[in-house]
Amino acid sequence: MSLPPDGLRPLTRPRLYEQVAEQITTWIGENGLGAGDRLPPERELATRLGVSRATVSQALVALEVVGVVAVRHGDGAILTDVSG
């Protein structure tokens, strides 16, 4: 992609699920949660954050990929490593 003559570039915006993951991570730290602690259910997180459950689910998957939580069907999201 070539730049326009004036050198302006499109702005990059963080995806909503990334913002939610960051909010959850901050909340974990502010509440002193540690490995083995359970996060609130997706429905509750979605309501509190004002986003859809699908967005919360995407955020939890992102946190799972980096090793912060383990998401278990029927058991919710459990913290594995808060330093992630």
PDB file of N, CA and C in Angstrom:
ATOM      1  N   MET A   1       0.844  -1.184   0.000  1.00  0.00           N
ATOM      2  CA  MET A   1       0.000   0.000   0.000  1.00  0.00           C
ATOM      3  C   MET A   1       0.885   1.242   0.000  1.00  0.00           C
ATOM      4  N   SER A   2       0.669   2.114  -0.945  1.00  0.00           N
ATOM      5  CA  SER A   2       1.462   3.337  -0.999  1.00  0.00           C
ATOM      6  C   SER A   2       0.802   4.409  -0.141  1.00  0.00           C
ATOM      7  N   LEU A   3       1.635   5.273   0.390  1.00  0.00           N
ATOM      8  CA  LEU A   3       1.127   6.357   1.219  1.00  0.00           C
ATOM      9  C   LEU A   3       0.589   7.471   0.345  1.00  0.00           C
ATOM     10  N   PRO A   4      -0.427   8.139   0.832  1.00  0.00           N
ATOM     11  CA  PRO A   4      -0.903   9.315   0.094  1.00  0.00           C
ATOM     12  C   PRO A   4       0.208  10.368   0.046  1.00  0.00           C
ATOM     13  N   PRO A   5       0.137  11.277  -0.902  1.00  0.00           N
ATOM     14  CA  PRO A   5       1.193  12.282  -1.055  1.00  0.00           C
ATOM     15  C   PRO A   5       1.466  13.087   0.209  1.00  0.00           C
ATOM     16  N   ASP A   6       0.463  13.277   1.065  1.00  0.00           N
ATOM     17  CA  ASP A   6       0.679  14.091   2.260  1.00  0.00           C
ATOM     18  C   ASP A   6       1.275  13.292   3.417  1.00  0.00           C
ATOM     19  N   GLY A   7       1.491  11.972   3.237  1.00  0.00           N
ATOM     20  CA  GLY A   7       2.149  11.153   4.251  1.00  0.00           C
ATOM     21  C   GLY A   7       1.256  10.681   5.386  1.00  0.00           C
ATOM     22  N   LEU A   8      -0.038  10.955   5.291  1.00  0.00           N
ATOM     23  CA  LEU A   8      -0.939  10.503   6.347  1.00  0.00           C
ATOM     24  C   LEU A   8      -1.127   8.997   6.273  1.00  0.00           C
ATOM     25  N   ARG A   9      -1.224   8.379   7.428  1.00  0.00           N
ATOM     26  CA  ARG A   9      -1.455   6.940   7.496  1.00  0.00           C
ATOM     27  C   ARG A   9      -2.771   6.678   8.223  1.00  0.00           C
ATOM     28  N   PRO A  10      -3.413   5.574   7.901  1.00  0.00           N
ATOM     29  CA  PRO A  10      -4.639   5.231   8.631  1.00  0.00           C
ATOM     30  C   PRO A  10      -4.324   5.008  10.113  1.00  0.00           C
ATOM     31  N   LEU A  11      -5.243   5.415  10.968  1.00  0.00           N
ATOM     32  CA  LEU A  11      -5.072   5.212  12.396  1.00  0.00           C
ATOM     33  C   LEU A  11      -5.308   3.751  12.739  1.00  0.00           C
ATOM     34  N   THR A  12      -4.553   3.260  13.693  1.00  0.00           N
ATOM     35  CA  THR A  12      -4.801   1.905  14.162  1.00  0.00           C
ATOM     36  C   THR A  12      -5.533   1.992  15.496  1.00  0.00           C
ATOM     37  N   ARG A  13      -6.565   1.198  15.622  1.00  0.00           N
ATOM     38  CA  ARG A  13      -7.333   1.173  16.858  1.00  0.00           C
ATOM     39  C   ARG A  13      -7.244  -0.226  17.444  1.00  0.00           C
ATOM     40  N   PRO A  14      -7.061  -0.300  18.768  1.00  0.00           N
ATOM     41  CA  PRO A  14      -7.074  -1.634  19.357  1.00  0.00           C
ATOM     42  C   PRO A  14      -8.462  -2.252  19.208  1.00  0.00           C
ATOM     43  N   ARG A  15      -8.498  -3.528  18.975  1.00  0.00           N
ATOM     44  CA  ARG A  15      -9.774  -4.212  18.852  1.00  0.00           C
ATOM     45  C   ARG A  15     -10.468  -4.223  20.211  1.00  0.00           C
ATOM     46  N   LEU A  16     -11.787  -4.277  20.175  1.00  0.00           N
ATOM     47  CA  LEU A  16     -12.566  -4.214  21.408  1.00  0.00           C
ATOM     48  C   LEU A  16     -12.184  -5.336  22.366  1.00  0.00           C
ATOM     49  N   TYR A  17     -12.001  -6.562  21.854  1.00  0.00           N
ATOM     50  CA  TYR A  17     -11.664  -7.663  22.752  1.00  0.00           C
ATOM     51  C   TYR A  17     -10.310  -7.431  23.426  1.00  0.00           C
ATOM     52  N   GLU A  18      -9.390  -6.736  22.737  1.00  0.00           N
ATOM     53  CA  GLU A  18      -8.092  -6.424  23.344  1.00  0.00           C
ATOM     54  C   GLU A  18      -8.269  -5.428  24.489  1.00  0.00           C
ATOM     55  N   GLN A  19      -9.161  -4.467  24.309  1.00  0.00           N
ATOM     56  CA  GLN A  19      -9.449  -3.506  25.364  1.00  0.00           C
ATOM     57  C   GLN A  19     -10.078  -4.211  26.556  1.00  0.00           C
ATOM     58  N   VAL A  20     -10.975  -5.159  26.285  1.00  0.00           N
ATOM     59  CA  VAL A  20     -11.636  -5.912  27.352  1.00  0.00           C
ATOM     60  C   VAL A  20     -10.603  -6.760  28.093  1.00  0.00           C
ATOM     61  N   ALA A  21      -9.716  -7.416  27.373  1.00  0.00           N
ATOM     62  CA  ALA A  21      -8.672  -8.228  28.004  1.00  0.00           C
ATOM     63  C   ALA A  21      -7.809  -7.361  28.915  1.00  0.00           C
ATOM     64  N   GLU A  22      -7.495  -6.158  28.456  1.00  0.00           N
ATOM     65  CA  GLU A  22      -6.697  -5.239  29.267  1.00  0.00           C
ATOM     66  C   GLU A  22      -7.458  -4.833  30.524  1.00  0.00           C
ATOM     67  N   GLN A  23      -8.752  -4.557  30.384  1.00  0.00           N
ATOM     68  CA  GLN A  23      -9.591  -4.187  31.537  1.00  0.00           C
ATOM     69  C   GLN A  23      -9.640  -5.331  32.548  1.00  0.00           C
ATOM     70  N   ILE A  24      -9.804  -6.547  32.055  1.00  0.00           N
ATOM     71  CA  ILE A  24      -9.867  -7.710  32.943  1.00  0.00           C
ATOM     72  C   ILE A  24      -8.538  -7.881  33.667  1.00  0.00           C
ATOM     73  N   THR A  25      -7.436  -7.748  32.946  1.00  0.00           N
ATOM     74  CA  THR A  25      -6.111  -7.878  33.549  1.00  0.00           C
ATOM     75  C   THR A  25      -5.909  -6.826  34.632  1.00  0.00           C
ATOM     76  N   THR A  26      -6.318  -5.599  34.353  1.00  0.00           N
ATOM     77  CA  THR A  26      -6.209  -4.521  35.341  1.00  0.00           C
ATOM     78  C   THR A  26      -7.060  -4.839  36.560  1.00  0.00           C
ATOM     79  N   TRP A  27      -8.280  -5.307  36.338  1.00  0.00           N
ATOM     80  CA  TRP A  27      -9.196  -5.649  37.429  1.00  0.00           C
ATOM     81  C   TRP A  27      -8.605  -6.761  38.303  1.00  0.00           C
ATOM     82  N   ILE A  28      -7.972  -7.749  37.661  1.00  0.00           N
ATOM     83  CA  ILE A  28      -7.338  -8.851  38.397  1.00  0.00           C
ATOM     84  C   ILE A  28      -6.285  -8.285  39.353  1.00  0.00           C
ATOM     85  N   GLY A  29      -5.444  -7.390  38.835  1.00  0.00           N
ATOM     86  CA  GLY A  29      -4.395  -6.793  39.658  1.00  0.00           C
ATOM     87  C   GLY A  29      -4.944  -5.932  40.776  1.00  0.00           C
ATOM     88  N   GLU A  30      -5.956  -5.132  40.468  1.00  0.00           N
ATOM     89  CA  GLU A  30      -6.536  -4.232  41.469  1.00  0.00           C
ATOM     90  C   GLU A  30      -7.216  -4.995  42.597  1.00  0.00           C
ATOM     91  N   ASN A  31      -7.681  -6.214  42.322  1.00  0.00           N
ATOM     92  CA  ASN A  31      -8.397  -6.988  43.329  1.00  0.00           C
ATOM     93  C   ASN A  31      -7.531  -8.059  43.970  1.00  0.00           C
ATOM     94  N   GLY A  32      -6.250  -8.054  43.629  1.00  0.00           N
ATOM     95  CA  GLY A  32      -5.311  -8.964  44.268  1.00  0.00           C
ATOM     96  C   GLY A  32      -5.594 -10.438  44.019  1.00  0.00           C
ATOM     97  N   LEU A  33      -6.155 -10.755  42.864  1.00  0.00           N
ATOM     98  CA  LEU A  33      -6.452 -12.148  42.559  1.00  0.00           C
ATOM     99  C   LEU A  33      -5.184 -12.887  42.167  1.00  0.00           C
ATOM    100  N   GLY A  34      -5.172 -14.184  42.403  1.00  0.00           N
ATOM    101  CA  GLY A  34      -3.995 -14.981  42.091  1.00  0.00           C
ATOM    102  C   GLY A  34      -4.372 -16.292  41.442  1.00  0.00           C
ATOM    103  N   ALA A  35      -3.347 -17.091  41.166  1.00  0.00           N
ATOM    104  CA  ALA A  35      -3.547 -18.388  40.521  1.00  0.00           C
ATOM    105  C   ALA A  35      -4.565 -19.210  41.303  1.00  0.00           C
ATOM    106  N   GLY A  36      -5.498 -19.798  40.569  1.00  0.00           N
ATOM    107  CA  GLY A  36      -6.546 -20.616  41.172  1.00  0.00           C
ATOM    108  C   GLY A  36      -7.843 -19.865  41.416  1.00  0.00           C
ATOM    109  N   ASP A  37      -7.782 -18.524  41.422  1.00  0.00           N
ATOM    110  CA  ASP A  37      -9.003 -17.738  41.604  1.00  0.00           C
ATOM    111  C   ASP A  37      -9.834 -17.788  40.334  1.00  0.00           C
ATOM    112  N   ARG A  38     -11.137 -17.719  40.509  1.00  0.00           N
ATOM    113  CA  ARG A  38     -12.074 -17.802  39.387  1.00  0.00           C
ATOM    114  C   ARG A  38     -12.575 -16.402  39.036  1.00  0.00           C
ATOM    115  N   LEU A  39     -12.637 -16.120  37.737  1.00  0.00           N
ATOM    116  CA  LEU A  39     -13.213 -14.852  37.284  1.00  0.00           C
ATOM    117  C   LEU A  39     -14.737 -14.949  37.322  1.00  0.00           C
ATOM    118  N   PRO A  40     -15.406 -13.798  37.367  1.00  0.00           N
ATOM    119  CA  PRO A  40     -16.871 -13.822  37.271  1.00  0.00           C
ATOM    120  C   PRO A  40     -17.300 -14.453  35.945  1.00  0.00           C
ATOM    121  N   PRO A  41     -18.532 -14.951  35.883  1.00  0.00           N
ATOM    122  CA  PRO A  41     -19.026 -15.545  34.636  1.00  0.00           C
ATOM    123  C   PRO A  41     -19.014 -14.541  33.475  1.00  0.00           C
ATOM    124  N   GLU A  42     -18.929 -15.070  32.250  1.00  0.00           N
ATOM    125  CA  GLU A  42     -18.910 -14.218  31.054  1.00  0.00           C
ATOM    126  C   GLU A  42     -20.094 -13.254  31.034  1.00  0.00           C
ATOM    127  N   ARG A  43     -21.260 -13.752  31.392  1.00  0.00           N
ATOM    128  CA  ARG A  43     -22.466 -12.909  31.366  1.00  0.00           C
ATOM    129  C   ARG A  43     -22.298 -11.697  32.277  1.00  0.00           C
ATOM    130  N   GLU A  44     -21.756 -11.913  33.474  1.00  0.00           N
ATOM    131  CA  GLU A  44     -21.547 -10.824  34.421  1.00  0.00           C
ATOM    132  C   GLU A  44     -20.482  -9.854  33.917  1.00  0.00           C
ATOM    133  N   LEU A  45     -19.386 -10.391  33.405  1.00  0.00           N
ATOM    134  CA  LEU A  45     -18.333  -9.527  32.859  1.00  0.00           C
ATOM    135  C   LEU A  45     -18.870  -8.678  31.711  1.00  0.00           C
ATOM    136  N   ALA A  46     -19.655  -9.298  30.834  1.00  0.00           N
ATOM    137  CA  ALA A  46     -20.218  -8.567  29.694  1.00  0.00           C
ATOM    138  C   ALA A  46     -21.100  -7.420  30.170  1.00  0.00           C
ATOM    139  N   THR A  47     -21.933  -7.691  31.162  1.00  0.00           N
ATOM    140  CA  THR A  47     -22.827  -6.659  31.695  1.00  0.00           C
ATOM    141  C   THR A  47     -22.028  -5.533  32.333  1.00  0.00           C
ATOM    142  N   ARG A  48     -21.055  -5.887  33.155  1.00  0.00           N
ATOM    143  CA  ARG A  48     -20.256  -4.878  33.857  1.00  0.00           C
ATOM    144  C   ARG A  48     -19.425  -4.035  32.901  1.00  0.00           C
ATOM    145  N   LEU A  49     -18.954  -4.635  31.804  1.00  0.00           N
ATOM    146  CA  LEU A  49     -18.113  -3.906  30.852  1.00  0.00           C
ATOM    147  C   LEU A  49     -18.916  -3.257  29.723  1.00  0.00           C
ATOM    148  N   GLY A  50     -20.192  -3.592  29.617  1.00  0.00           N
ATOM    149  CA  GLY A  50     -21.024  -3.001  28.577  1.00  0.00           C
ATOM    150  C   GLY A  50     -20.707  -3.502  27.184  1.00  0.00           C
ATOM    151  N   VAL A  51     -20.304  -4.781  27.094  1.00  0.00           N
ATOM    152  CA  VAL A  51     -19.989  -5.384  25.803  1.00  0.00           C
ATOM    153  C   VAL A  51     -20.757  -6.698  25.676  1.00  0.00           C
ATOM    154  N   SER A  52     -20.660  -7.322  24.510  1.00  0.00           N
ATOM    155  CA  SER A  52     -21.352  -8.590  24.298  1.00  0.00           C
ATOM    156  C   SER A  52     -20.582  -9.737  24.943  1.00  0.00           C
ATOM    157  N   ARG A  53     -21.284 -10.842  25.179  1.00  0.00           N
ATOM    158  CA  ARG A  53     -20.619 -12.030  25.705  1.00  0.00           C
ATOM    159  C   ARG A  53     -19.580 -12.550  24.712  1.00  0.00           C
ATOM    160  N   ALA A  54     -19.863 -12.384  23.424  1.00  0.00           N
ATOM    161  CA  ALA A  54     -18.912 -12.831  22.402  1.00  0.00           C
ATOM    162  C   ALA A  54     -17.581 -12.080  22.542  1.00  0.00           C
ATOM    163  N   THR A  55     -17.647 -10.787  22.818  1.00  0.00           N
ATOM    164  CA  THR A  55     -16.437  -9.988  23.001  1.00  0.00           C
ATOM    165  C   THR A  55     -15.681 -10.447  24.238  1.00  0.00           C
ATOM    166  N   VAL A  56     -16.412 -10.714  25.326  1.00  0.00           N
ATOM    167  CA  VAL A  56     -15.772 -11.213  26.547  1.00  0.00           C
ATOM    168  C   VAL A  56     -15.119 -12.564  26.268  1.00  0.00           C
ATOM    169  N   SER A  57     -15.816 -13.408  25.527  1.00  0.00           N
ATOM    170  CA  SER A  57     -15.278 -14.721  25.189  1.00  0.00           C
ATOM    171  C   SER A  57     -13.973 -14.590  24.405  1.00  0.00           C
ATOM    172  N   GLN A  58     -13.950 -13.672  23.428  1.00  0.00           N
ATOM    173  CA  GLN A  58     -12.723 -13.430  22.652  1.00  0.00           C
ATOM    174  C   GLN A  58     -11.595 -12.941  23.556  1.00  0.00           C
ATOM    175  N   ALA A  59     -11.922 -12.071  24.496  1.00  0.00           N
ATOM    176  CA  ALA A  59     -10.915 -11.547  25.419  1.00  0.00           C
ATOM    177  C   ALA A  59     -10.353 -12.671  26.287  1.00  0.00           C
ATOM    178  N   LEU A  60     -11.218 -13.558  26.751  1.00  0.00           N
ATOM    179  CA  LEU A  60     -10.764 -14.670  27.580  1.00  0.00           C
ATOM    180  C   LEU A  60      -9.883 -15.633  26.785  1.00  0.00           C
ATOM    181  N   VAL A  61     -10.216 -15.845  25.521  1.00  0.00           N
ATOM    182  CA  VAL A  61      -9.370 -16.684  24.665  1.00  0.00           C
ATOM    183  C   VAL A  61      -7.995 -16.039  24.520  1.00  0.00           C
ATOM    184  N   ALA A  62      -7.960 -14.730  24.324  1.00  0.00           N
ATOM    185  CA  ALA A  62      -6.686 -14.027  24.202  1.00  0.00           C
ATOM    186  C   ALA A  62      -5.872 -14.165  25.491  1.00  0.00           C
ATOM    187  N   LEU A  63      -6.544 -14.059  26.635  1.00  0.00           N
ATOM    188  CA  LEU A  63      -5.850 -14.210  27.916  1.00  0.00           C
ATOM    189  C   LEU A  63      -5.394 -15.653  28.128  1.00  0.00           C
ATOM    190  N   GLU A  64      -6.158 -16.587  27.591  1.00  0.00           N
ATOM    191  CA  GLU A  64      -5.779 -17.992  27.693  1.00  0.00           C
ATOM    192  C   GLU A  64      -4.526 -18.272  26.852  1.00  0.00           C
ATOM    193  N   VAL A  65      -4.458 -17.667  25.676  1.00  0.00           N
ATOM    194  CA  VAL A  65      -3.315 -17.866  24.779  1.00  0.00           C
ATOM    195  C   VAL A  65      -2.014 -17.400  25.440  1.00  0.00           C
ATOM    196  N   VAL A  66      -2.072 -16.314  26.197  1.00  0.00           N
ATOM    197  CA  VAL A  66      -0.862 -15.805  26.848  1.00  0.00           C
ATOM    198  C   VAL A  66      -0.644 -16.423  28.232  1.00  0.00           C
ATOM    199  N   GLY A  67      -1.522 -17.340  28.632  1.00  0.00           N
ATOM    200  CA  GLY A  67      -1.323 -18.086  29.868  1.00  0.00           C
ATOM    201  C   GLY A  67      -1.808 -17.434  31.141  1.00  0.00           C
ATOM    202  N   VAL A  68      -2.706 -16.458  31.025  1.00  0.00           N
ATOM    203  CA  VAL A  68      -3.221 -15.788  32.218  1.00  0.00           C
ATOM    204  C   VAL A  68      -4.373 -16.583  32.838  1.00  0.00           C
ATOM    205  N   VAL A  69      -5.214 -17.162  32.002  1.00  0.00           N
ATOM    206  CA  VAL A  69      -6.356 -17.937  32.493  1.00  0.00           C
ATOM    207  C   VAL A  69      -6.432 -19.275  31.775  1.00  0.00           C
ATOM    208  N   ALA A  70      -7.146 -20.189  32.398  1.00  0.00           N
ATOM    209  CA  ALA A  70      -7.528 -21.442  31.753  1.00  0.00           C
ATOM    210  C   ALA A  70      -9.043 -21.414  31.703  1.00  0.00           C
ATOM    211  N   VAL A  71      -9.599 -21.517  30.506  1.00  0.00           N
ATOM    212  CA  VAL A  71     -11.047 -21.492  30.338  1.00  0.00           C
ATOM    213  C   VAL A  71     -11.529 -22.930  30.220  1.00  0.00           C
ATOM    214  N   ARG A  72     -12.389 -23.312  31.147  1.00  0.00           N
ATOM    215  CA  ARG A  72     -12.911 -24.679  31.166  1.00  0.00           C
ATOM    216  C   ARG A  72     -14.419 -24.625  30.996  1.00  0.00           C
ATOM    217  N   HIS A  73     -14.907 -25.339  30.018  1.00  0.00           N
ATOM    218  CA  HIS A  73     -16.349 -25.370  29.738  1.00  0.00           C
ATOM    219  C   HIS A  73     -17.098 -25.810  30.987  1.00  0.00           C
ATOM    220  N   GLY A  74     -18.053 -25.014  31.393  1.00  0.00           N
ATOM    221  CA  GLY A  74     -18.864 -25.330  32.561  1.00  0.00           C
ATOM    222  C   GLY A  74     -18.214 -24.961  33.877  1.00  0.00           C
ATOM    223  N   ASP A  75     -16.944 -24.600  33.863  1.00  0.00           N
ATOM    224  CA  ASP A  75     -16.233 -24.263  35.095  1.00  0.00           C
ATOM    225  C   ASP A  75     -15.771 -22.808  35.100  1.00  0.00           C
ATOM    226  N   GLY A  76     -15.840 -22.147  33.963  1.00  0.00           N
ATOM    227  CA  GLY A  76     -15.462 -20.745  33.872  1.00  0.00           C
ATOM    228  C   GLY A  76     -13.977 -20.534  33.627  1.00  0.00           C
ATOM    229  N   ALA A  77     -13.551 -19.312  33.867  1.00  0.00           N
ATOM    230  CA  ALA A  77     -12.150 -18.919  33.643  1.00  0.00           C
ATOM    231  C   ALA A  77     -11.440 -18.879  34.989  1.00  0.00           C
ATOM    232  N   ILE A  78     -10.356 -19.634  35.081  1.00  0.00           N
ATOM    233  CA  ILE A  78      -9.586 -19.722  36.313  1.00  0.00           C
ATOM    234  C   ILE A  78      -8.199 -19.153  36.048  1.00  0.00           C
ATOM    235  N   LEU A  79      -7.750 -18.296  36.948  1.00  0.00           N
ATOM    236  CA  LEU A  79      -6.441 -17.676  36.793  1.00  0.00           C
ATOM    237  C   LEU A  79      -5.337 -18.714  36.922  1.00  0.00           C
ATOM    238  N   THR A  80      -4.375 -18.642  36.012  1.00  0.00           N
ATOM    239  CA  THR A  80      -3.246 -19.551  36.056  1.00  0.00           C
ATOM    240  C   THR A  80      -1.963 -18.798  36.376  1.00  0.00           C
ATOM    241  N   ASP A  81      -1.865 -17.563  35.883  1.00  0.00           N
ATOM    242  CA  ASP A  81      -0.638 -16.785  36.077  1.00  0.00           C
ATOM    243  C   ASP A  81      -0.966 -15.317  35.912  1.00  0.00           C
ATOM    244  N   VAL A  82      -0.957 -14.575  36.997  1.00  0.00           N
ATOM    245  CA  VAL A  82      -1.321 -13.162  36.917  1.00  0.00           C
ATOM    246  C   VAL A  82      -0.198 -12.279  36.412  1.00  0.00           C
ATOM    247  N   SER A  83       0.995 -12.829  36.223  1.00  0.00           N
ATOM    248  CA  SER A  83       2.102 -12.006  35.721  1.00  0.00           C
ATOM    249  C   SER A  83       2.068 -11.865  34.216  1.00  0.00           C
ATOM    250  N   GLY A  84       1.188 -12.675  33.525  1.00  0.00           N
ATOM    251  CA  GLY A  84       1.123 -12.632  32.071  1.00  0.00           C
ATOM    252  C   GLY A  84       0.576 -11.356  31.613  1.00  0.00           C
TER     253      GLY A  84
END
